[in-house]
C-alpha cells in the first residue's frame, strides 16, 4: 500500500531527499506522496525511508491505496527497469 502524509506534517523537508522514487512533493499546505510512485521503498530499502526520518511521525499507510508486497515490487520494476 502506498503511504500518506497527514496534516500533522511540519514541512521539515526531511522526507523529500530520502524518497528513492521521487514520490514526495510539496502540496498546497504540506507534503504529499504520489501513490503511483510510492513503493514503500520496496526494491531500495527494508523500511520506508521517509517514515524513518520523519520527526513527527505523520506518515502512515494510505487506506485508499492498498497494495500487496508483490504489487509494490511490480510497481518498482516498472519504474526502474
PDB file of N, CA and C in Angstrom:
ATOM      1  N   UNK A   1       0.846  -1.164   0.000  1.00  0.00           N
ATOM      2  CA  UNK A   1       0.000   0.000   0.000  1.00  0.00           C
ATOM      3  C   UNK A   1       0.892   1.228   0.000  1.00  0.00           C
ATOM      4  N   UNK A   2       0.500   2.217  -0.700  1.00  0.00           N
ATOM      5  CA  UNK A   2       1.244   3.470  -0.705  1.00  0.00           C
ATOM      6  C   UNK A   2       1.129   4.140   0.658  1.00  0.00           C
ATOM      7  N   UNK A   3       1.984   5.109   0.874  1.00  0.00           N
ATOM      8  CA  UNK A   3       1.976   5.839   2.140  1.00  0.00           C
ATOM      9  C   UNK A   3       1.275   7.181   1.975  1.00  0.00           C
ATOM     10  N   UNK A   4       0.916   7.773   3.092  1.00  0.00           N
ATOM     11  CA  UNK A   4       0.174   9.022   3.119  1.00  0.00           C
ATOM     12  C   UNK A   4       0.786   9.932   4.174  1.00  0.00           C
ATOM     13  N   UNK A   5       0.967  11.189   3.833  1.00  0.00           N
ATOM     14  CA  UNK A   5       1.440  12.182   4.800  1.00  0.00           C
ATOM     15  C   UNK A   5       0.207  12.905   5.332  1.00  0.00           C
ATOM     16  N   UNK A   6       0.074  12.934   6.650  1.00  0.00           N
ATOM     17  CA  UNK A   6      -1.098  13.552   7.269  1.00  0.00           C
ATOM     18  C   UNK A   6      -0.872  15.046   7.517  1.00  0.00           C
ATOM     19  N   UNK A   7      -1.913  15.712   7.938  1.00  0.00           N
ATOM     20  CA  UNK A   7      -1.856  17.160   8.162  1.00  0.00           C
ATOM     21  C   UNK A   7      -0.970  17.554   9.338  1.00  0.00           C
ATOM     22  N   UNK A   8      -0.468  16.590  10.090  1.00  0.00           N
ATOM     23  CA  UNK A   8       0.486  16.892  11.166  1.00  0.00           C
ATOM     24  C   UNK A   8       1.873  17.257  10.619  1.00  0.00           C
ATOM     25  N   UNK A   9       2.067  17.106   9.323  1.00  0.00           N
ATOM     26  CA  UNK A   9       3.345  17.423   8.665  1.00  0.00           C
ATOM     27  C   UNK A   9       3.752  18.862   8.982  1.00  0.00           C
ATOM     28  N   UNK A  10       5.018  19.033   9.345  1.00  0.00           N
ATOM     29  CA  UNK A  10       5.549  20.366   9.661  1.00  0.00           C
ATOM     30  C   UNK A  10       6.417  20.923   8.536  1.00  0.00           C
ATOM     31  N   UNK A  11       6.389  20.281   7.362  1.00  0.00           N
ATOM     32  CA  UNK A  11       7.157  20.736   6.195  1.00  0.00           C
ATOM     33  C   UNK A  11       8.643  20.886   6.497  1.00  0.00           C
ATOM     34  N   UNK A  12       9.198  19.893   7.167  1.00  0.00           N
ATOM     35  CA  UNK A  12      10.616  19.956   7.553  1.00  0.00           C
ATOM     36  C   UNK A  12      11.559  19.623   6.400  1.00  0.00           C
ATOM     37  N   UNK A  13      11.051  19.086   5.305  1.00  0.00           N
ATOM     38  CA  UNK A  13      11.825  18.725   4.113  1.00  0.00           C
ATOM     39  C   UNK A  13      12.653  17.452   4.256  1.00  0.00           C
ATOM     40  N   UNK A  14      12.598  16.769   5.372  1.00  0.00           N
ATOM     41  CA  UNK A  14      13.424  15.572   5.586  1.00  0.00           C
ATOM     42  C   UNK A  14      13.061  14.435   4.628  1.00  0.00           C
ATOM     43  N   UNK A  15      11.800  14.235   4.379  1.00  0.00           N
ATOM     44  CA  UNK A  15      11.357  13.084   3.598  1.00  0.00           C
ATOM     45  C   UNK A  15      11.661  13.196   2.106  1.00  0.00           C
ATOM     46  N   UNK A  16      11.659  14.382   1.578  1.00  0.00           N
ATOM     47  CA  UNK A  16      11.805  14.575   0.134  1.00  0.00           C
ATOM     48  C   UNK A  16      13.102  13.968  -0.381  1.00  0.00           C
ATOM     49  N   UNK A  17      14.208  14.303   0.239  1.00  0.00           N
ATOM     50  CA  UNK A  17      15.509  13.804  -0.204  1.00  0.00           C
ATOM     51  C   UNK A  17      15.671  12.308   0.031  1.00  0.00           C
ATOM     52  N   UNK A  18      14.904  11.750   0.953  1.00  0.00           N
ATOM     53  CA  UNK A  18      15.018  10.325   1.279  1.00  0.00           C
ATOM     54  C   UNK A  18      14.274   9.419   0.310  1.00  0.00           C
ATOM     55  N   UNK A  19      13.313   9.945  -0.417  1.00  0.00           N
ATOM     56  CA  UNK A  19      12.477   9.112  -1.280  1.00  0.00           C
ATOM     57  C   UNK A  19      13.228   8.716  -2.556  1.00  0.00           C
ATOM     58  N   UNK A  20      13.521   7.420  -2.742  1.00  0.00           N
ATOM     59  CA  UNK A  20      14.252   6.987  -3.926  1.00  0.00           C
ATOM     60  C   UNK A  20      13.413   6.985  -5.198  1.00  0.00           C
ATOM     61  N   UNK A  21      12.102   7.142  -5.062  1.00  0.00           N
ATOM     62  CA  UNK A  21      11.207   7.120  -6.225  1.00  0.00           C
ATOM     63  C   UNK A  21      10.675   8.494  -6.608  1.00  0.00           C
ATOM     64  N   UNK A  22      11.171   9.534  -5.966  1.00  0.00           N
ATOM     65  CA  UNK A  22      10.684  10.898  -6.220  1.00  0.00           C
ATOM     66  C   UNK A  22       9.162  10.983  -6.115  1.00  0.00           C
ATOM     67  N   UNK A  23       8.621  10.336  -5.090  1.00  0.00           N
ATOM     68  CA  UNK A  23       7.173  10.296  -4.906  1.00  0.00           C
ATOM     69  C   UNK A  23       6.650  11.412  -4.005  1.00  0.00           C
ATOM     70  N   UNK A  24       7.545  12.170  -3.359  1.00  0.00           N
ATOM     71  CA  UNK A  24       7.118  13.172  -2.383  1.00  0.00           C
ATOM     72  C   UNK A  24       7.337  14.577  -2.941  1.00  0.00           C
ATOM     73  N   UNK A  25       6.304  15.385  -2.844  1.00  0.00           N
ATOM     74  CA  UNK A  25       6.403  16.777  -3.292  1.00  0.00           C
ATOM     75  C   UNK A  25       5.577  17.655  -2.359  1.00  0.00           C
ATOM     76  N   UNK A  26       5.836  18.940  -2.411  1.00  0.00           N
ATOM     77  CA  UNK A  26       5.102  19.880  -1.578  1.00  0.00           C
ATOM     78  C   UNK A  26       3.720  20.110  -2.166  1.00  0.00           C
ATOM     79  N   UNK A  27       2.721  19.891  -1.337  1.00  0.00           N
ATOM     80  CA  UNK A  27       1.345  20.136  -1.746  1.00  0.00           C
ATOM     81  C   UNK A  27       0.958  21.568  -1.432  1.00  0.00           C
ATOM     82  N   UNK A  28      -0.327  21.818  -1.368  1.00  0.00           N
ATOM     83  CA  UNK A  28      -0.812  23.170  -1.110  1.00  0.00           C
ATOM     84  C   UNK A  28      -0.417  23.667   0.285  1.00  0.00           C
ATOM     85  N   UNK A  29      -0.493  22.788   1.282  1.00  0.00           N
ATOM     86  CA  UNK A  29      -0.164  23.215   2.645  1.00  0.00           C
ATOM     87  C   UNK A  29       0.902  22.358   3.315  1.00  0.00           C
ATOM     88  N   UNK A  30       1.068  21.124   2.865  1.00  0.00           N
ATOM     89  CA  UNK A  30       2.100  20.243   3.416  1.00  0.00           C
ATOM     90  C   UNK A  30       2.475  19.208   2.356  1.00  0.00           C
ATOM     91  N   UNK A  31       3.511  18.423   2.643  1.00  0.00           N
ATOM     92  CA  UNK A  31       3.992  17.452   1.671  1.00  0.00           C
ATOM     93  C   UNK A  31       2.960  16.369   1.395  1.00  0.00           C
ATOM     94  N   UNK A  32       3.054  15.809   0.196  1.00  0.00           N
ATOM     95  CA  UNK A  32       2.149  14.747  -0.207  1.00  0.00           C
ATOM     96  C   UNK A  32       2.948  13.658  -0.919  1.00  0.00           C
ATOM     97  N   UNK A  33       2.390  12.464  -0.942  1.00  0.00           N
ATOM     98  CA  UNK A  33       3.033  11.328  -1.591  1.00  0.00           C
ATOM     99  C   UNK A  33       2.197  10.908  -2.791  1.00  0.00           C
ATOM    100  N   UNK A  34       2.847  10.808  -3.944  1.00  0.00           N
ATOM    101  CA  UNK A  34       2.189  10.346  -5.161  1.00  0.00           C
ATOM    102  C   UNK A  34       2.074   8.825  -5.065  1.00  0.00           C
ATOM    103  N   UNK A  35       0.864   8.321  -4.877  1.00  0.00           N
ATOM    104  CA  UNK A  35       0.670   6.887  -4.681  1.00  0.00           C
ATOM    105  C   UNK A  35       1.108   6.066  -5.887  1.00  0.00           C
ATOM    106  N   UNK A  36       1.114   6.660  -7.063  1.00  0.00           N
ATOM    107  CA  UNK A  36       1.545   5.934  -8.260  1.00  0.00           C
ATOM    108  C   UNK A  36       3.051   5.691  -8.270  1.00  0.00           C
ATOM    109  N   UNK A  37       3.811   6.456  -7.489  1.00  0.00           N
ATOM    110  CA  UNK A  37       5.264   6.299  -7.441  1.00  0.00           C
ATOM    111  C   UNK A  37       5.761   5.673  -6.132  1.00  0.00           C
ATOM    112  N   UNK A  38       4.919   5.615  -5.118  1.00  0.00           N
ATOM    113  CA  UNK A  38       5.338   5.095  -3.821  1.00  0.00           C
ATOM    114  C   UNK A  38       5.343   3.568  -3.818  1.00  0.00           C
ATOM    115  N   UNK A  39       6.497   2.984  -3.494  1.00  0.00           N
ATOM    116  CA  UNK A  39       6.622   1.528  -3.368  1.00  0.00           C
ATOM    117  C   UNK A  39       6.942   1.139  -1.930  1.00  0.00           C
ATOM    118  N   UNK A  40       6.795   2.069  -1.002  1.00  0.00           N
ATOM    119  CA  UNK A  40       7.192   1.864   0.393  1.00  0.00           C
ATOM    120  C   UNK A  40       8.661   1.443   0.463  1.00  0.00           C
ATOM    121  N   UNK A  41       9.434   1.898  -0.494  1.00  0.00           N
ATOM    122  CA  UNK A  41      10.876   1.646  -0.623  1.00  0.00           C
ATOM    123  C   UNK A  41      11.211   0.201  -0.980  1.00  0.00           C
ATOM    124  N   UNK A  42      10.217  -0.591  -1.376  1.00  0.00           N
ATOM    125  CA  UNK A  42      10.489  -1.944  -1.872  1.00  0.00           C
ATOM    126  C   UNK A  42      11.422  -1.784  -3.072  1.00  0.00           C
ATOM    127  N   UNK A  43      12.467  -2.580  -3.105  1.00  0.00           N
ATOM    128  CA  UNK A  43      13.448  -2.500  -4.178  1.00  0.00           C
ATOM    129  C   UNK A  43      14.621  -1.606  -3.826  1.00  0.00           C
ATOM    130  N   UNK A  44      14.489  -0.826  -2.769  1.00  0.00           N
ATOM    131  CA  UNK A  44      15.551   0.080  -2.343  1.00  0.00           C
ATOM    132  C   UNK A  44      16.018  -0.211  -0.922  1.00  0.00           C
ATOM    133  N   UNK A  45      15.075  -0.227   0.019  1.00  0.00           N
ATOM    134  CA  UNK A  45      15.394  -0.364   1.442  1.00  0.00           C
ATOM    135  C   UNK A  45      14.449  -1.358   2.108  1.00  0.00           C
ATOM    136  N   UNK A  46      14.816  -1.801   3.294  1.00  0.00           N
ATOM    137  CA  UNK A  46      13.973  -2.727   4.053  1.00  0.00           C
ATOM    138  C   UNK A  46      12.762  -2.035   4.673  1.00  0.00           C
ATOM    139  N   UNK A  47      12.892  -0.755   4.958  1.00  0.00           N
ATOM    140  CA  UNK A  47      11.828   0.037   5.578  1.00  0.00           C
ATOM    141  C   UNK A  47      11.621   1.310   4.762  1.00  0.00           C
ATOM    142  N   UNK A  48      10.425   1.883   4.761  1.00  0.00           N
ATOM    143  CA  UNK A  48      10.216   3.158   4.070  1.00  0.00           C
ATOM    144  C   UNK A  48      11.130   4.241   4.678  1.00  0.00           C
ATOM    145  N   UNK A  49      11.976   4.819   3.867  1.00  0.00           N
ATOM    146  CA  UNK A  49      12.954   5.793   4.371  1.00  0.00           C
ATOM    147  C   UNK A  49      12.292   7.074   4.867  1.00  0.00           C
ATOM    148  N   UNK A  50      11.184   7.470   4.271  1.00  0.00           N
ATOM    149  CA  UNK A  50      10.515   8.694   4.717  1.00  0.00           C
ATOM    150  C   UNK A  50       9.988   8.538   6.138  1.00  0.00           C
ATOM    151  N   UNK A  51       9.462   7.367   6.452  1.00  0.00           N
ATOM    152  CA  UNK A  51       8.941   7.101   7.791  1.00  0.00           C
ATOM    153  C   UNK A  51      10.064   7.181   8.814  1.00  0.00           C
ATOM    154  N   UNK A  52      11.215   6.653   8.455  1.00  0.00           N
ATOM    155  CA  UNK A  52      12.341   6.623   9.386  1.00  0.00           C
ATOM    156  C   UNK A  52      12.866   8.013   9.723  1.00  0.00           C
ATOM    157  N   UNK A  53      12.801   8.952   8.789  1.00  0.00           N
ATOM    158  CA  UNK A  53      13.359  10.284   9.053  1.00  0.00           C
ATOM    159  C   UNK A  53      12.329  11.303   9.532  1.00  0.00           C
ATOM    160  N   UNK A  54      11.058  10.971   9.494  1.00  0.00           N
ATOM    161  CA  UNK A  54      10.015  11.925   9.877  1.00  0.00           C
ATOM    162  C   UNK A  54      10.063  12.215  11.377  1.00  0.00           C
ATOM    163  N   UNK A  55      10.283  13.482  11.758  1.00  0.00           N
ATOM    164  CA  UNK A  55      10.391  13.814  13.179  1.00  0.00           C
ATOM    165  C   UNK A  55       9.047  13.874  13.917  1.00  0.00           C
ATOM    166  N   UNK A  56       7.939  13.892  13.198  1.00  0.00           N
ATOM    167  CA  UNK A  56       6.634  13.995  13.854  1.00  0.00           C
ATOM    168  C   UNK A  56       5.735  12.777  13.582  1.00  0.00           C
ATOM    169  N   UNK A  57       6.270  11.752  12.979  1.00  0.00           N
ATOM    170  CA  UNK A  57       5.511  10.523  12.713  1.00  0.00           C
ATOM    171  C   UNK A  57       4.177  10.787  12.012  1.00  0.00           C
ATOM    172  N   UNK A  58       4.231  11.535  10.934  1.00  0.00           N
ATOM    173  CA  UNK A  58       2.998  11.881  10.226  1.00  0.00           C
ATOM    174  C   UNK A  58       2.819  11.090   8.929  1.00  0.00           C
ATOM    175  N   UNK A  59       3.577  10.016   8.752  1.00  0.00           N
ATOM    176  CA  UNK A  59       3.476   9.211   7.535  1.00  0.00           C
ATOM    177  C   UNK A  59       2.947   7.829   7.911  1.00  0.00           C
ATOM    178  N   UNK A  60       1.857   7.438   7.268  1.00  0.00           N
ATOM    179  CA  UNK A  60       1.217   6.166   7.587  1.00  0.00           C
ATOM    180  C   UNK A  60       0.715   5.507   6.303  1.00  0.00           C
ATOM    181  N   UNK A  61       0.310   4.242   6.387  1.00  0.00           N
ATOM    182  CA  UNK A  61      -0.264   3.587   5.204  1.00  0.00           C
ATOM    183  C   UNK A  61      -1.514   4.320   4.725  1.00  0.00           C
ATOM    184  N   UNK A  62      -1.662   4.403   3.424  1.00  0.00           N
ATOM    185  CA  UNK A  62      -2.808   5.081   2.819  1.00  0.00           C
ATOM    186  C   UNK A  62      -3.919   4.057   2.572  1.00  0.00           C
ATOM    187  N   UNK A  63      -4.989   4.100   3.352  1.00  0.00           N
ATOM    188  CA  UNK A  63      -6.050   3.101   3.188  1.00  0.00           C
ATOM    189  C   UNK A  63      -6.747   3.168   1.829  1.00  0.00           C
ATOM    190  N   UNK A  64      -6.618   4.257   1.124  1.00  0.00           N
ATOM    191  CA  UNK A  64      -7.235   4.396  -0.193  1.00  0.00           C
ATOM    192  C   UNK A  64      -6.417   3.732  -1.293  1.00  0.00           C
ATOM    193  N   UNK A  65      -5.184   3.337  -0.982  1.00  0.00           N
ATOM    194  CA  UNK A  65      -4.301   2.735  -1.993  1.00  0.00           C
ATOM    195  C   UNK A  65      -3.626   1.494  -1.433  1.00  0.00           C
ATOM    196  N   UNK A  66      -4.411   0.465  -1.207  1.00  0.00           N
ATOM    197  CA  UNK A  66      -3.891  -0.789  -0.667  1.00  0.00           C
ATOM    198  C   UNK A  66      -3.229  -1.597  -1.778  1.00  0.00           C
ATOM    199  N   UNK A  67      -1.984  -2.053  -1.506  1.00  0.00           N
ATOM    200  CA  UNK A  67      -1.244  -2.869  -2.455  1.00  0.00           C
ATOM    201  C   UNK A  67      -0.477  -3.939  -1.686  1.00  0.00           C
ATOM    202  N   UNK A  68      -0.341  -5.100  -2.296  1.00  0.00           N
ATOM    203  CA  UNK A  68       0.431  -6.178  -1.686  1.00  0.00           C
ATOM    204  C   UNK A  68       1.923  -5.927  -1.916  1.00  0.00           C
ATOM    205  N   UNK A  69       2.745  -6.690  -1.224  1.00  0.00           N
ATOM    206  CA  UNK A  69       4.193  -6.588  -1.427  1.00  0.00           C
ATOM    207  C   UNK A  69       4.532  -6.893  -2.886  1.00  0.00           C
ATOM    208  N   UNK A  70       3.863  -7.861  -3.486  1.00  0.00           N
ATOM    209  CA  UNK A  70       4.106  -8.213  -4.888  1.00  0.00           C
ATOM    210  C   UNK A  70       3.728  -7.058  -5.819  1.00  0.00           C
ATOM    211  N   UNK A  71       2.614  -6.400  -5.547  1.00  0.00           N
ATOM    212  CA  UNK A  71       2.204  -5.260  -6.368  1.00  0.00           C
ATOM    213  C   UNK A  71       3.207  -4.110  -6.249  1.00  0.00           C
ATOM    214  N   UNK A  72       3.693  -3.863  -5.037  1.00  0.00           N
ATOM    215  CA  UNK A  72       4.690  -2.810  -4.838  1.00  0.00           C
ATOM    216  C   UNK A  72       5.974  -3.158  -5.577  1.00  0.00           C
ATOM    217  N   UNK A  73       6.375  -4.426  -5.547  1.00  0.00           N
ATOM    218  CA  UNK A  73       7.575  -4.865  -6.262  1.00  0.00           C
ATOM    219  C   UNK A  73       7.395  -4.704  -7.770  1.00  0.00           C
ATOM    220  N   UNK A  74       6.208  -5.022  -8.276  1.00  0.00           N
ATOM    221  CA  UNK A  74       5.923  -4.839  -9.706  1.00  0.00           C
ATOM    222  C   UNK A  74       5.982  -3.363 -10.087  1.00  0.00           C
ATOM    223  N   UNK A  75       5.444  -2.515  -9.232  1.00  0.00           N
ATOM    224  CA  UNK A  75       5.476  -1.067  -9.498  1.00  0.00           C
ATOM    225  C   UNK A  75       6.925  -0.584  -9.559  1.00  0.00           C
ATOM    226  N   UNK A  76       7.742  -1.057  -8.604  1.00  0.00           N
ATOM    227  CA  UNK A  76       9.167  -0.710  -8.598  1.00  0.00           C
ATOM    228  C   UNK A  76       9.828  -1.144  -9.912  1.00  0.00           C
ATOM    229  N   UNK A  77       9.586  -2.376 -10.333  1.00  0.00           N
ATOM    230  CA  UNK A  77      10.189  -2.903 -11.555  1.00  0.00           C
ATOM    231  C   UNK A  77       9.774  -2.088 -12.779  1.00  0.00           C
ATOM    232  N   UNK A  78       8.516  -1.685 -12.847  1.00  0.00           N
ATOM    233  CA  UNK A  78       8.042  -0.896 -13.978  1.00  0.00           C
ATOM    234  C   UNK A  78       8.703   0.480 -14.026  1.00  0.00           C
ATOM    235  N   UNK A  79       8.994   1.048 -12.875  1.00  0.00           N
ATOM    236  CA  UNK A  79       9.616   2.376 -12.839  1.00  0.00           C
ATOM    237  C   UNK A  79      11.120   2.342 -13.094  1.00  0.00           C
ATOM    238  N   UNK A  80      11.762   1.229 -12.733  1.00  0.00           N
ATOM    239  CA  UNK A  80      13.227   1.225 -12.740  1.00  0.00           C
ATOM    240  C   UNK A  80      13.863   0.270 -13.743  1.00  0.00           C
ATOM    241  N   UNK A  81      13.067  -0.489 -14.473  1.00  0.00           N
ATOM    242  CA  UNK A  81      13.655  -1.400 -15.474  1.00  0.00           C
ATOM    243  C   UNK A  81      13.006  -1.242 -16.808  1.00  0.00           C
TER     244      UNK A  81
END
